[in-house]
Amino acid sequence: MIDLETMPLPELRTLRAQIEAEIRRRGSATQRLIKRVQKLAADQGLSLNELLTVAGSSDEIPTVSRSGTAIKYRNPVNPAQGWTGHGRKPGWVIDYLANGGTLDKLAV
């Protein structure tokens, strides 16, 4: 660890300049990354805030069927969430079944 108390003043100034340059460098890299993510979001028709809201949400993103398979089951708490019955069960289905529910009651 650097002992700043015993370091001569010219060395402290040099160190400060190096630290400030590194902070600026990292800040500009962060800004470039933010701009890249904003562009990617815009290409998908989303703002960065919308993207962050979805990413930070504890709710699952509504299921969109890529193959055109119809939704067979709906979340009774959040009807925007659906499941085709194929693939891994979503968390809301697992929770519903763990609380004594049946798939028949979720059927559309």
PDB file of N, CA and C in Angstrom:
ATOM      1  N   MET A   1       0.842  -1.173   0.000  1.00  0.00           N
ATOM      2  CA  MET A   1       0.000   0.000   0.000  1.00  0.00           C
ATOM      3  C   MET A   1       0.889   1.238   0.000  1.00  0.00           C
ATOM      4  N   ILE A   2       0.442   2.274  -0.673  1.00  0.00           N
ATOM      5  CA  ILE A   2       1.228   3.505  -0.772  1.00  0.00           C
ATOM      6  C   ILE A   2       1.048   4.326   0.503  1.00  0.00           C
ATOM      7  N   ASP A   3       2.170   4.778   1.054  1.00  0.00           N
ATOM      8  CA  ASP A   3       2.127   5.642   2.241  1.00  0.00           C
ATOM      9  C   ASP A   3       2.143   7.085   1.765  1.00  0.00           C
ATOM     10  N   LEU A   4       0.964   7.685   1.678  1.00  0.00           N
ATOM     11  CA  LEU A   4       0.841   9.039   1.154  1.00  0.00           C
ATOM     12  C   LEU A   4       1.449  10.084   2.080  1.00  0.00           C
ATOM     13  N   GLU A   5       1.480   9.819   3.359  1.00  0.00           N
ATOM     14  CA  GLU A   5       1.992  10.805   4.323  1.00  0.00           C
ATOM     15  C   GLU A   5       3.485  11.049   4.168  1.00  0.00           C
ATOM     16  N   THR A   6       4.223  10.059   3.744  1.00  0.00           N
ATOM     17  CA  THR A   6       5.675  10.218   3.610  1.00  0.00           C
ATOM     18  C   THR A   6       6.102  10.532   2.179  1.00  0.00           C
ATOM     19  N   MET A   7       5.157  10.517   1.246  1.00  0.00           N
ATOM     20  CA  MET A   7       5.484  10.772  -0.159  1.00  0.00           C
ATOM     21  C   MET A   7       5.734  12.259  -0.369  1.00  0.00           C
ATOM     22  N   PRO A   8       6.802  12.610  -1.084  1.00  0.00           N
ATOM     23  CA  PRO A   8       7.074  14.021  -1.370  1.00  0.00           C
ATOM     24  C   PRO A   8       5.962  14.649  -2.210  1.00  0.00           C
ATOM     25  N   LEU A   9       5.771  15.948  -2.044  1.00  0.00           N
ATOM     26  CA  LEU A   9       4.693  16.674  -2.711  1.00  0.00           C
ATOM     27  C   LEU A   9       4.748  16.526  -4.235  1.00  0.00           C
ATOM     28  N   PRO A  10       5.905  16.621  -4.906  1.00  0.00           N
ATOM     29  CA  PRO A  10       5.914  16.440  -6.365  1.00  0.00           C
ATOM     30  C   PRO A  10       5.413  15.058  -6.792  1.00  0.00           C
ATOM     31  N   GLU A  11       5.767  14.031  -6.026  1.00  0.00           N
ATOM     32  CA  GLU A  11       5.289  12.682  -6.343  1.00  0.00           C
ATOM     33  C   GLU A  11       3.786  12.571  -6.143  1.00  0.00           C
ATOM     34  N   LEU A  12       3.271  13.230  -5.093  1.00  0.00           N
ATOM     35  CA  LEU A  12       1.819  13.233  -4.855  1.00  0.00           C
ATOM     36  C   LEU A  12       1.088  13.887  -6.033  1.00  0.00           C
ATOM     37  N   ARG A  13       1.633  15.002  -6.544  1.00  0.00           N
ATOM     38  CA  ARG A  13       1.005  15.696  -7.673  1.00  0.00           C
ATOM     39  C   ARG A  13       1.035  14.820  -8.928  1.00  0.00           C
ATOM     40  N   THR A  14       2.145  14.136  -9.138  1.00  0.00           N
ATOM     41  CA  THR A  14       2.251  13.233 -10.281  1.00  0.00           C
ATOM     42  C   THR A  14       1.236  12.100 -10.154  1.00  0.00           C
ATOM     43  N   LEU A  15       1.145  11.542  -8.962  1.00  0.00           N
ATOM     44  CA  LEU A  15       0.190  10.465  -8.715  1.00  0.00           C
ATOM     45  C   LEU A  15      -1.239  10.955  -8.938  1.00  0.00           C
ATOM     46  N   ARG A  16      -1.544  12.169  -8.449  1.00  0.00           N
ATOM     47  CA  ARG A  16      -2.883  12.737  -8.635  1.00  0.00           C
ATOM     48  C   ARG A  16      -3.194  12.884 -10.117  1.00  0.00           C
ATOM     49  N   ALA A  17      -2.240  13.377 -10.906  1.00  0.00           N
ATOM     50  CA  ALA A  17      -2.443  13.542 -12.346  1.00  0.00           C
ATOM     51  C   ALA A  17      -2.700  12.187 -13.014  1.00  0.00           C
ATOM     52  N   GLN A  18      -1.964  11.159 -12.598  1.00  0.00           N
ATOM     53  CA  GLN A  18      -2.164   9.816 -13.156  1.00  0.00           C
ATOM     54  C   GLN A  18      -3.545   9.283 -12.798  1.00  0.00           C
ATOM     55  N   ILE A  19      -3.956   9.511 -11.561  1.00  0.00           N
ATOM     56  CA  ILE A  19      -5.279   9.045 -11.107  1.00  0.00           C
ATOM     57  C   ILE A  19      -6.380   9.761 -11.880  1.00  0.00           C
ATOM     58  N   GLU A  20      -6.268  11.080 -12.032  1.00  0.00           N
ATOM     59  CA  GLU A  20      -7.288  11.842 -12.754  1.00  0.00           C
ATOM     60  C   GLU A  20      -7.360  11.408 -14.216  1.00  0.00           C
ATOM     61  N   ALA A  21      -6.215  11.137 -14.836  1.00  0.00           N
ATOM     62  CA  ALA A  21      -6.209  10.669 -16.224  1.00  0.00           C
ATOM     63  C   ALA A  21      -6.896   9.310 -16.341  1.00  0.00           C
ATOM     64  N   GLU A  22      -6.647   8.421 -15.385  1.00  0.00           N
ATOM     65  CA  GLU A  22      -7.278   7.098 -15.404  1.00  0.00           C
ATOM     66  C   GLU A  22      -8.792   7.201 -15.195  1.00  0.00           C
ATOM     67  N   ILE A  23      -9.217   8.097 -14.314  1.00  0.00           N
ATOM     68  CA  ILE A  23     -10.654   8.302 -14.082  1.00  0.00           C
ATOM     69  C   ILE A  23     -11.317   8.818 -15.359  1.00  0.00           C
ATOM     70  N   ARG A  24     -10.676   9.765 -16.055  1.00  0.00           N
ATOM     71  CA  ARG A  24     -11.224  10.283 -17.315  1.00  0.00           C
ATOM     72  C   ARG A  24     -11.292   9.178 -18.362  1.00  0.00           C
ATOM     73  N   ARG A  25     -10.240   8.369 -18.443  1.00  0.00           N
ATOM     74  CA  ARG A  25     -10.214   7.275 -19.419  1.00  0.00           C
ATOM     75  C   ARG A  25     -11.350   6.294 -19.175  1.00  0.00           C
ATOM     76  N   ARG A  26     -11.521   5.911 -17.917  1.00  0.00           N
ATOM     77  CA  ARG A  26     -12.595   4.958 -17.594  1.00  0.00           C
ATOM     78  C   ARG A  26     -13.962   5.575 -17.809  1.00  0.00           C
ATOM     79  N   GLY A  27     -14.089   6.860 -17.499  1.00  0.00           N
ATOM     80  CA  GLY A  27     -15.361   7.554 -17.717  1.00  0.00           C
ATOM     81  C   GLY A  27     -15.735   7.596 -19.176  1.00  0.00           C
ATOM     82  N   SER A  28     -14.753   7.854 -20.058  1.00  0.00           N
ATOM     83  CA  SER A  28     -15.058   7.910 -21.484  1.00  0.00           C
ATOM     84  C   SER A  28     -15.405   6.520 -22.017  1.00  0.00           C
ATOM     85  N   ALA A  29     -14.772   5.482 -21.488  1.00  0.00           N
ATOM     86  CA  ALA A  29     -15.114   4.114 -21.889  1.00  0.00           C
ATOM     87  C   ALA A  29     -16.542   3.790 -21.473  1.00  0.00           C
ATOM     88  N   THR A  30     -16.928   4.242 -20.298  1.00  0.00           N
ATOM     89  CA  THR A  30     -18.301   4.028 -19.816  1.00  0.00           C
ATOM     90  C   THR A  30     -19.295   4.743 -20.718  1.00  0.00           C
ATOM     91  N   GLN A  31     -18.970   5.990 -21.090  1.00  0.00           N
ATOM     92  CA  GLN A  31     -19.864   6.747 -21.971  1.00  0.00           C
ATOM     93  C   GLN A  31     -20.006   6.077 -23.336  1.00  0.00           C
ATOM     94  N   ARG A  32     -18.908   5.544 -23.862  1.00  0.00           N
ATOM     95  CA  ARG A  32     -18.982   4.836 -25.146  1.00  0.00           C
ATOM     96  C   ARG A  32     -19.882   3.605 -25.023  1.00  0.00           C
ATOM     97  N   LEU A  33     -19.762   2.892 -23.918  1.00  0.00           N
ATOM     98  CA  LEU A  33     -20.598   1.714 -23.701  1.00  0.00           C
ATOM     99  C   LEU A  33     -22.068   2.106 -23.603  1.00  0.00           C
ATOM    100  N   ILE A  34     -22.356   3.168 -22.871  1.00  0.00           N
ATOM    101  CA  ILE A  34     -23.745   3.632 -22.735  1.00  0.00           C
ATOM    102  C   ILE A  34     -24.314   3.988 -24.098  1.00  0.00           C
ATOM    103  N   LYS A  35     -23.533   4.668 -24.924  1.00  0.00           N
ATOM    104  CA  LYS A  35     -24.018   5.034 -26.261  1.00  0.00           C
ATOM    105  C   LYS A  35     -24.266   3.805 -27.116  1.00  0.00           C
ATOM    106  N   ARG A  36     -23.408   2.786 -27.004  1.00  0.00           N
ATOM    107  CA  ARG A  36     -23.605   1.546 -27.754  1.00  0.00           C
ATOM    108  C   ARG A  36     -24.899   0.850 -27.321  1.00  0.00           C
ATOM    109  N   VAL A  37     -25.131   0.804 -26.009  1.00  0.00           N
ATOM    110  CA  VAL A  37     -26.345   0.147 -25.499  1.00  0.00           C
ATOM    111  C   VAL A  37     -27.578   0.938 -25.914  1.00  0.00           C
ATOM    112  N   GLN A  38     -27.488   2.281 -25.876  1.00  0.00           N
ATOM    113  CA  GLN A  38     -28.614   3.107 -26.326  1.00  0.00           C
ATOM    114  C   GLN A  38     -28.940   2.823 -27.786  1.00  0.00           C
ATOM    115  N   LYS A  39     -27.920   2.709 -28.629  1.00  0.00           N
ATOM    116  CA  LYS A  39     -28.144   2.428 -30.040  1.00  0.00           C
ATOM    117  C   LYS A  39     -28.773   1.053 -30.229  1.00  0.00           C
ATOM    118  N   LEU A  40     -28.266   0.050 -29.506  1.00  0.00           N
ATOM    119  CA  LEU A  40     -28.843  -1.295 -29.607  1.00  0.00           C
ATOM    120  C   LEU A  40     -30.305  -1.296 -29.182  1.00  0.00           C
ATOM    121  N   ALA A  41     -30.604  -0.591 -28.093  1.00  0.00           N
ATOM    122  CA  ALA A  41     -31.992  -0.511 -27.627  1.00  0.00           C
ATOM    123  C   ALA A  41     -32.861   0.192 -28.671  1.00  0.00           C
ATOM    124  N   ALA A  42     -32.361   1.302 -29.222  1.00  0.00           N
ATOM    125  CA  ALA A  42     -33.124   2.046 -30.227  1.00  0.00           C
ATOM    126  C   ALA A  42     -33.369   1.197 -31.468  1.00  0.00           C
ATOM    127  N   ASP A  43     -32.400   0.387 -31.849  1.00  0.00           N
ATOM    128  CA  ASP A  43     -32.576  -0.506 -32.999  1.00  0.00           C
ATOM    129  C   ASP A  43     -33.718  -1.496 -32.776  1.00  0.00           C
ATOM    130  N   GLN A  44     -34.023  -1.777 -31.514  1.00  0.00           N
ATOM    131  CA  GLN A  44     -35.121  -2.693 -31.182  1.00  0.00           C
ATOM    132  C   GLN A  44     -36.399  -1.943 -30.808  1.00  0.00           C
ATOM    133  N   GLY A  45     -36.377  -0.612 -30.962  1.00  0.00           N
ATOM    134  CA  GLY A  45     -37.564   0.187 -30.674  1.00  0.00           C
ATOM    135  C   GLY A  45     -37.755   0.497 -29.204  1.00  0.00           C
ATOM    136  N   LEU A  46     -36.685   0.436 -28.417  1.00  0.00           N
ATOM    137  CA  LEU A  46     -36.773   0.713 -26.991  1.00  0.00           C
ATOM    138  C   LEU A  46     -35.868   1.881 -26.622  1.00  0.00           C
ATOM    139  N   SER A  47     -36.250   2.593 -25.576  1.00  0.00           N
ATOM    140  CA  SER A  47     -35.335   3.583 -25.015  1.00  0.00           C
ATOM    141  C   SER A  47     -34.468   2.861 -23.997  1.00  0.00           C
ATOM    142  N   LEU A  48     -33.383   3.481 -23.607  1.00  0.00           N
ATOM    143  CA  LEU A  48     -32.510   2.868 -22.609  1.00  0.00           C
ATOM    144  C   LEU A  48     -33.253   2.698 -21.291  1.00  0.00           C
ATOM    145  N   ASN A  49     -34.092   3.667 -20.925  1.00  0.00           N
ATOM    146  CA  ASN A  49     -34.874   3.556 -19.688  1.00  0.00           C
ATOM    147  C   ASN A  49     -35.832   2.369 -19.738  1.00  0.00           C
ATOM    148  N   GLU A  50     -36.485   2.158 -20.886  1.00  0.00           N
ATOM    149  CA  GLU A  50     -37.384   1.007 -21.014  1.00  0.00           C
ATOM    150  C   GLU A  50     -36.605  -0.294 -20.881  1.00  0.00           C
ATOM    151  N   LEU A  51     -35.436  -0.342 -21.499  1.00  0.00           N
ATOM    152  CA  LEU A  51     -34.597  -1.535 -21.427  1.00  0.00           C
ATOM    153  C   LEU A  51     -34.166  -1.813 -19.994  1.00  0.00           C
ATOM    154  N   LEU A  52     -33.763  -0.768 -19.282  1.00  0.00           N
ATOM    155  CA  LEU A  52     -33.326  -0.943 -17.902  1.00  0.00           C
ATOM    156  C   LEU A  52     -34.486  -1.325 -16.992  1.00  0.00           C
ATOM    157  N   THR A  53     -35.665  -0.810 -17.276  1.00  0.00           N
ATOM    158  CA  THR A  53     -36.842  -1.165 -16.477  1.00  0.00           C
ATOM    159  C   THR A  53     -37.147  -2.646 -16.630  1.00  0.00           C
ATOM    160  N   VAL A  54     -37.097  -3.137 -17.866  1.00  0.00           N
ATOM    161  CA  VAL A  54     -37.353  -4.557 -18.114  1.00  0.00           C
ATOM    162  C   VAL A  54     -36.259  -5.400 -17.484  1.00  0.00           C
ATOM    163  N   ALA A  55     -34.993  -5.000 -17.649  1.00  0.00           N
ATOM    164  CA  ALA A  55     -33.865  -5.770 -17.120  1.00  0.00           C
ATOM    165  C   ALA A  55     -33.855  -5.791 -15.600  1.00  0.00           C
ATOM    166  N   GLY A  56     -34.289  -4.695 -14.974  1.00  0.00           N
ATOM    167  CA  GLY A  56     -34.271  -4.621 -13.520  1.00  0.00           C
ATOM    168  C   GLY A  56     -35.531  -5.133 -12.869  1.00  0.00           C
ATOM    169  N   SER A  57     -36.514  -5.502 -13.676  1.00  0.00           N
ATOM    170  CA  SER A  57     -37.787  -5.968 -13.148  1.00  0.00           C
ATOM    171  C   SER A  57     -37.646  -7.367 -12.567  1.00  0.00           C
ATOM    172  N   SER A  58     -38.317  -7.604 -11.457  1.00  0.00           N
ATOM    173  CA  SER A  58     -38.304  -8.955 -10.887  1.00  0.00           C
ATOM    174  C   SER A  58     -39.340  -9.839 -11.568  1.00  0.00           C
ATOM    175  N   ASP A  59     -40.258  -9.205 -12.311  1.00  0.00           N
ATOM    176  CA  ASP A  59     -41.243  -9.987 -13.059  1.00  0.00           C
ATOM    177  C   ASP A  59     -40.587 -10.570 -14.302  1.00  0.00           C
ATOM    178  N   GLU A  60     -41.131 -11.655 -14.763  1.00  0.00           N
ATOM    179  CA  GLU A  60     -40.616 -12.245 -15.976  1.00  0.00           C
ATOM    180  C   GLU A  60     -41.128 -11.468 -17.173  1.00  0.00           C
ATOM    181  N   ILE A  61     -40.365 -11.458 -18.229  1.00  0.00           N
ATOM    182  CA  ILE A  61     -40.782 -10.824 -19.462  1.00  0.00           C
ATOM    183  C   ILE A  61     -41.878 -11.690 -20.075  1.00  0.00           C
ATOM    184  N   PRO A  62     -42.955 -11.074 -20.555  1.00  0.00           N
ATOM    185  CA  PRO A  62     -44.022 -11.879 -21.157  1.00  0.00           C
ATOM    186  C   PRO A  62     -43.470 -12.784 -22.251  1.00  0.00           C
ATOM    187  N   THR A  63     -43.988 -13.997 -22.291  1.00  0.00           N
ATOM    188  CA  THR A  63     -43.520 -14.973 -23.255  1.00  0.00           C
ATOM    189  C   THR A  63     -44.026 -14.618 -24.643  1.00  0.00           C
ATOM    190  N   VAL A  64     -43.118 -14.585 -25.576  1.00  0.00           N
ATOM    191  CA  VAL A  64     -43.469 -14.385 -26.971  1.00  0.00           C
ATOM    192  C   VAL A  64     -43.048 -15.641 -27.694  1.00  0.00           C
ATOM    193  N   SER A  65     -43.996 -16.270 -28.311  1.00  0.00           N
ATOM    194  CA  SER A  65     -43.705 -17.515 -28.998  1.00  0.00           C
ATOM    195  C   SER A  65     -43.015 -17.213 -30.319  1.00  0.00           C
ATOM    196  N   ARG A  66     -41.829 -17.758 -30.517  1.00  0.00           N
ATOM    197  CA  ARG A  66     -41.085 -17.536 -31.754  1.00  0.00           C
ATOM    198  C   ARG A  66     -41.598 -18.425 -32.873  1.00  0.00           C
ATOM    199  N   SER A  67     -42.097 -19.590 -32.516  1.00  0.00           N
ATOM    200  CA  SER A  67     -42.507 -20.544 -33.535  1.00  0.00           C
ATOM    201  C   SER A  67     -43.965 -20.372 -33.940  1.00  0.00           C
ATOM    202  N   GLY A  68     -44.667 -19.451 -33.323  1.00  0.00           N
ATOM    203  CA  GLY A  68     -46.068 -19.263 -33.641  1.00  0.00           C
ATOM    204  C   GLY A  68     -46.978 -20.198 -32.862  1.00  0.00           C
ATOM    205  N   THR A  69     -46.404 -20.967 -31.938  1.00  0.00           N
ATOM    206  CA  THR A  69     -47.208 -21.863 -31.117  1.00  0.00           C
ATOM    207  C   THR A  69     -48.079 -21.030 -30.186  1.00  0.00           C
ATOM    208  N   ALA A  70     -49.333 -21.403 -30.079  1.00  0.00           N
ATOM    209  CA  ALA A  70     -50.275 -20.649 -29.253  1.00  0.00           C
ATOM    210  C   ALA A  70     -49.963 -20.823 -27.773  1.00  0.00           C
ATOM    211  N   ILE A  71     -50.248 -19.789 -27.017  1.00  0.00           N
ATOM    212  CA  ILE A  71     -50.106 -19.837 -25.565  1.00  0.00           C
ATOM    213  C   ILE A  71     -51.170 -20.778 -25.020  1.00  0.00           C
ATOM    214  N   LYS A  72     -50.768 -21.744 -24.201  1.00  0.00           N
ATOM    215  CA  LYS A  72     -51.713 -22.705 -23.621  1.00  0.00           C
ATOM    216  C   LYS A  72     -52.032 -22.397 -22.169  1.00  0.00           C
ATOM    217  N   TYR A  73     -51.138 -21.677 -21.496  1.00  0.00           N
ATOM    218  CA  TYR A  73     -51.315 -21.397 -20.070  1.00  0.00           C
ATOM    219  C   TYR A  73     -51.053 -19.920 -19.805  1.00  0.00           C
ATOM    220  N   ARG A  74     -51.855 -19.323 -18.932  1.00  0.00           N
ATOM    221  CA  ARG A  74     -51.711 -17.917 -18.554  1.00  0.00           C
ATOM    222  C   ARG A  74     -51.528 -17.797 -17.055  1.00  0.00           C
ATOM    223  N   ASN A  75     -50.733 -16.830 -16.663  1.00  0.00           N
ATOM    224  CA  ASN A  75     -50.534 -16.526 -15.251  1.00  0.00           C
ATOM    225  C   ASN A  75     -51.777 -15.804 -14.744  1.00  0.00           C
ATOM    226  N   PRO A  76     -52.478 -16.340 -13.754  1.00  0.00           N
ATOM    227  CA  PRO A  76     -53.687 -15.682 -13.259  1.00  0.00           C
ATOM    228  C   PRO A  76     -53.395 -14.365 -12.548  1.00  0.00           C
ATOM    229  N   VAL A  77     -52.190 -14.204 -12.032  1.00  0.00           N
ATOM    230  CA  VAL A  77     -51.814 -12.963 -11.344  1.00  0.00           C
ATOM    231  C   VAL A  77     -51.405 -11.890 -12.350  1.00  0.00           C
ATOM    232  N   ASN A  78     -50.730 -12.283 -13.421  1.00  0.00           N
ATOM    233  CA  ASN A  78     -50.287 -11.357 -14.457  1.00  0.00           C
ATOM    234  C   ASN A  78     -50.613 -11.967 -15.818  1.00  0.00           C
ATOM    235  N   PRO A  79     -51.777 -11.642 -16.381  1.00  0.00           N
ATOM    236  CA  PRO A  79     -52.213 -12.245 -17.641  1.00  0.00           C
ATOM    237  C   PRO A  79     -51.288 -11.958 -18.830  1.00  0.00           C
ATOM    238  N   ALA A  80     -50.376 -11.005 -18.688  1.00  0.00           N
ATOM    239  CA  ALA A  80     -49.423 -10.733 -19.769  1.00  0.00           C
ATOM    240  C   ALA A  80     -48.413 -11.871 -19.905  1.00  0.00           C
ATOM    241  N   GLN A  81     -48.307 -12.690 -18.889  1.00  0.00           N
ATOM    242  CA  GLN A  81     -47.365 -13.809 -18.919  1.00  0.00           C
ATOM    243  C   GLN A  81     -48.089 -15.072 -19.364  1.00  0.00           C
ATOM    244  N   GLY A  82     -47.510 -15.698 -20.368  1.00  0.00           N
ATOM    245  CA  GLY A  82     -48.087 -16.928 -20.878  1.00  0.00           C
ATOM    246  C   GLY A  82     -47.001 -17.957 -21.114  1.00  0.00           C
ATOM    247  N   TRP A  83     -47.432 -19.180 -21.336  1.00  0.00           N
ATOM    248  CA  TRP A  83     -46.496 -20.273 -21.593  1.00  0.00           C
ATOM    249  C   TRP A  83     -47.145 -21.215 -22.590  1.00  0.00           C
ATOM    250  N   THR A  84     -46.374 -21.680 -23.557  1.00  0.00           N
ATOM    251  CA  THR A  84     -46.904 -22.571 -24.598  1.00  0.00           C
ATOM    252  C   THR A  84     -47.028 -24.010 -24.122  1.00  0.00           C
ATOM    253  N   GLY A  85     -46.382 -24.330 -23.016  1.00  0.00           N
ATOM    254  CA  GLY A  85     -46.376 -25.703 -22.540  1.00  0.00           C
ATOM    255  C   GLY A  85     -45.165 -26.463 -23.036  1.00  0.00           C
ATOM    256  N   HIS A  86     -44.340 -25.803 -23.846  1.00  0.00           N
ATOM    257  CA  HIS A  86     -43.117 -26.414 -24.368  1.00  0.00           C
ATOM    258  C   HIS A  86     -41.918 -25.810 -23.656  1.00  0.00           C
ATOM    259  N   GLY A  87     -40.870 -26.589 -23.541  1.00  0.00           N
ATOM    260  CA  GLY A  87     -39.656 -26.073 -22.911  1.00  0.00           C
ATOM    261  C   GLY A  87     -39.776 -26.020 -21.403  1.00  0.00           C
ATOM    262  N   ARG A  88     -38.833 -25.335 -20.812  1.00  0.00           N
ATOM    263  CA  ARG A  88     -38.778 -25.227 -19.356  1.00  0.00           C
ATOM    264  C   ARG A  88     -39.957 -24.427 -18.815  1.00  0.00           C
ATOM    265  N   LYS A  89     -40.479 -24.862 -17.686  1.00  0.00           N
ATOM    266  CA  LYS A  89     -41.598 -24.156 -17.061  1.00  0.00           C
ATOM    267  C   LYS A  89     -41.118 -22.803 -16.529  1.00  0.00           C
ATOM    268  N   PRO A  90     -41.882 -21.741 -16.789  1.00  0.00           N
ATOM    269  CA  PRO A  90     -41.527 -20.445 -16.216  1.00  0.00           C
ATOM    270  C   PRO A  90     -41.659 -20.485 -14.692  1.00  0.00           C
ATOM    271  N   GLY A  91     -40.995 -19.553 -14.023  1.00  0.00           N
ATOM    272  CA  GLY A  91     -41.027 -19.496 -12.561  1.00  0.00           C
ATOM    273  C   GLY A  91     -42.430 -19.367 -11.997  1.00  0.00           C
ATOM    274  N   TRP A  92     -43.289 -18.571 -12.675  1.00  0.00           N
ATOM    275  CA  TRP A  92     -44.644 -18.392 -12.152  1.00  0.00           C
ATOM    276  C   TRP A  92     -45.432 -19.697 -12.201  1.00  0.00           C
ATOM    277  N   VAL A  93     -45.172 -20.578 -13.186  1.00  0.00           N
ATOM    278  CA  VAL A  93     -45.841 -21.887 -13.251  1.00  0.00           C
ATOM    279  C   VAL A  93     -45.340 -22.776 -12.124  1.00  0.00           C
ATOM    280  N   ILE A  94     -44.041 -22.796 -11.936  1.00  0.00           N
ATOM    281  CA  ILE A  94     -43.446 -23.609 -10.864  1.00  0.00           C
ATOM    282  C   ILE A  94     -44.001 -23.181  -9.510  1.00  0.00           C
ATOM    283  N   ASP A  95     -44.065 -21.865  -9.278  1.00  0.00           N
ATOM    284  CA  ASP A  95     -44.605 -21.355  -8.005  1.00  0.00           C
ATOM    285  C   ASP A  95     -46.067 -21.739  -7.834  1.00  0.00           C
ATOM    286  N   TYR A  96     -46.850 -21.610  -8.912  1.00  0.00           N
ATOM    287  CA  TYR A  96     -48.273 -21.927  -8.853  1.00  0.00           C
ATOM    288  C   TYR A  96     -48.481 -23.404  -8.505  1.00  0.00           C
ATOM    289  N   LEU A  97     -47.718 -24.271  -9.166  1.00  0.00           N
ATOM    290  CA  LEU A  97     -47.840 -25.708  -8.896  1.00  0.00           C
ATOM    291  C   LEU A  97     -47.361 -26.047  -7.484  1.00  0.00           C
ATOM    292  N   ALA A  98     -46.318 -25.366  -7.010  1.00  0.00           N
ATOM    293  CA  ALA A  98     -45.800 -25.622  -5.662  1.00  0.00           C
ATOM    294  C   ALA A  98     -46.808 -25.225  -4.592  1.00  0.00           C
ATOM    295  N   ASN A  99     -47.699 -24.285  -4.915  1.00  0.00           N
ATOM    296  CA  ASN A  99     -48.723 -23.848  -3.965  1.00  0.00           C
ATOM    297  C   ASN A  99     -50.027 -24.619  -4.112  1.00  0.00           C
ATOM    298  N   GLY A 100     -49.961 -25.762  -4.794  1.00  0.00           N
ATOM    299  CA  GLY A 100     -51.135 -26.636  -4.874  1.00  0.00           C
ATOM    300  C   GLY A 100     -51.991 -26.442  -6.112  1.00  0.00           C
ATOM    301  N   GLY A 101     -51.614 -25.533  -7.018  1.00  0.00           N
ATOM    302  CA  GLY A 101     -52.404 -25.322  -8.231  1.00  0.00           C
ATOM    303  C   GLY A 101     -52.147 -26.432  -9.242  1.00  0.00           C
ATOM    304  N   THR A 102     -52.989 -26.476 -10.260  1.00  0.00           N
ATOM    305  CA  THR A 102     -52.822 -27.479 -11.315  1.00  0.00           C
ATOM    306  C   THR A 102     -52.719 -26.757 -12.662  1.00  0.00           C
ATOM    307  N   LEU A 103     -52.086 -27.428 -13.609  1.00  0.00           N
ATOM    308  CA  LEU A 103     -51.975 -26.852 -14.950  1.00  0.00           C
ATOM    309  C   LEU A 103     -53.334 -26.646 -15.593  1.00  0.00           C
ATOM    310  N   ASP A 104     -54.287 -27.490 -15.256  1.00  0.00           N
ATOM    311  CA  ASP A 104     -55.627 -27.361 -15.833  1.00  0.00           C
ATOM    312  C   ASP A 104     -56.246 -26.007 -15.504  1.00  0.00           C
ATOM    313  N   LYS A 105     -55.967 -25.488 -14.322  1.00  0.00           N
ATOM    314  CA  LYS A 105     -56.531 -24.193 -13.920  1.00  0.00           C
ATOM    315  C   LYS A 105     -55.846 -23.032 -14.622  1.00  0.00           C
ATOM    316  N   LEU A 106     -54.648 -23.252 -15.173  1.00  0.00           N
ATOM    317  CA  LEU A 106     -53.931 -22.207 -15.903  1.00  0.00           C
ATOM    318  C   LEU A 106     -54.240 -22.234 -17.398  1.00  0.00           C
ATOM    319  N   ALA A 107     -54.883 -23.292 -17.869  1.00  0.00           N
ATOM    320  CA  ALA A 107     -55.149 -23.450 -19.289  1.00  0.00           C
ATOM    321  C   ALA A 107     -56.001 -22.309 -19.830  1.00  0.00           C
ATOM    322  N   VAL A 108     -55.659 -21.909 -21.039  1.00  0.00           N
ATOM    323  CA  VAL A 108     -56.387 -20.810 -21.691  1.00  0.00           C
ATOM    324  C   VAL A 108     -57.646 -21.351 -22.323  1.00  0.00           C
TER     325      VAL A 108
END
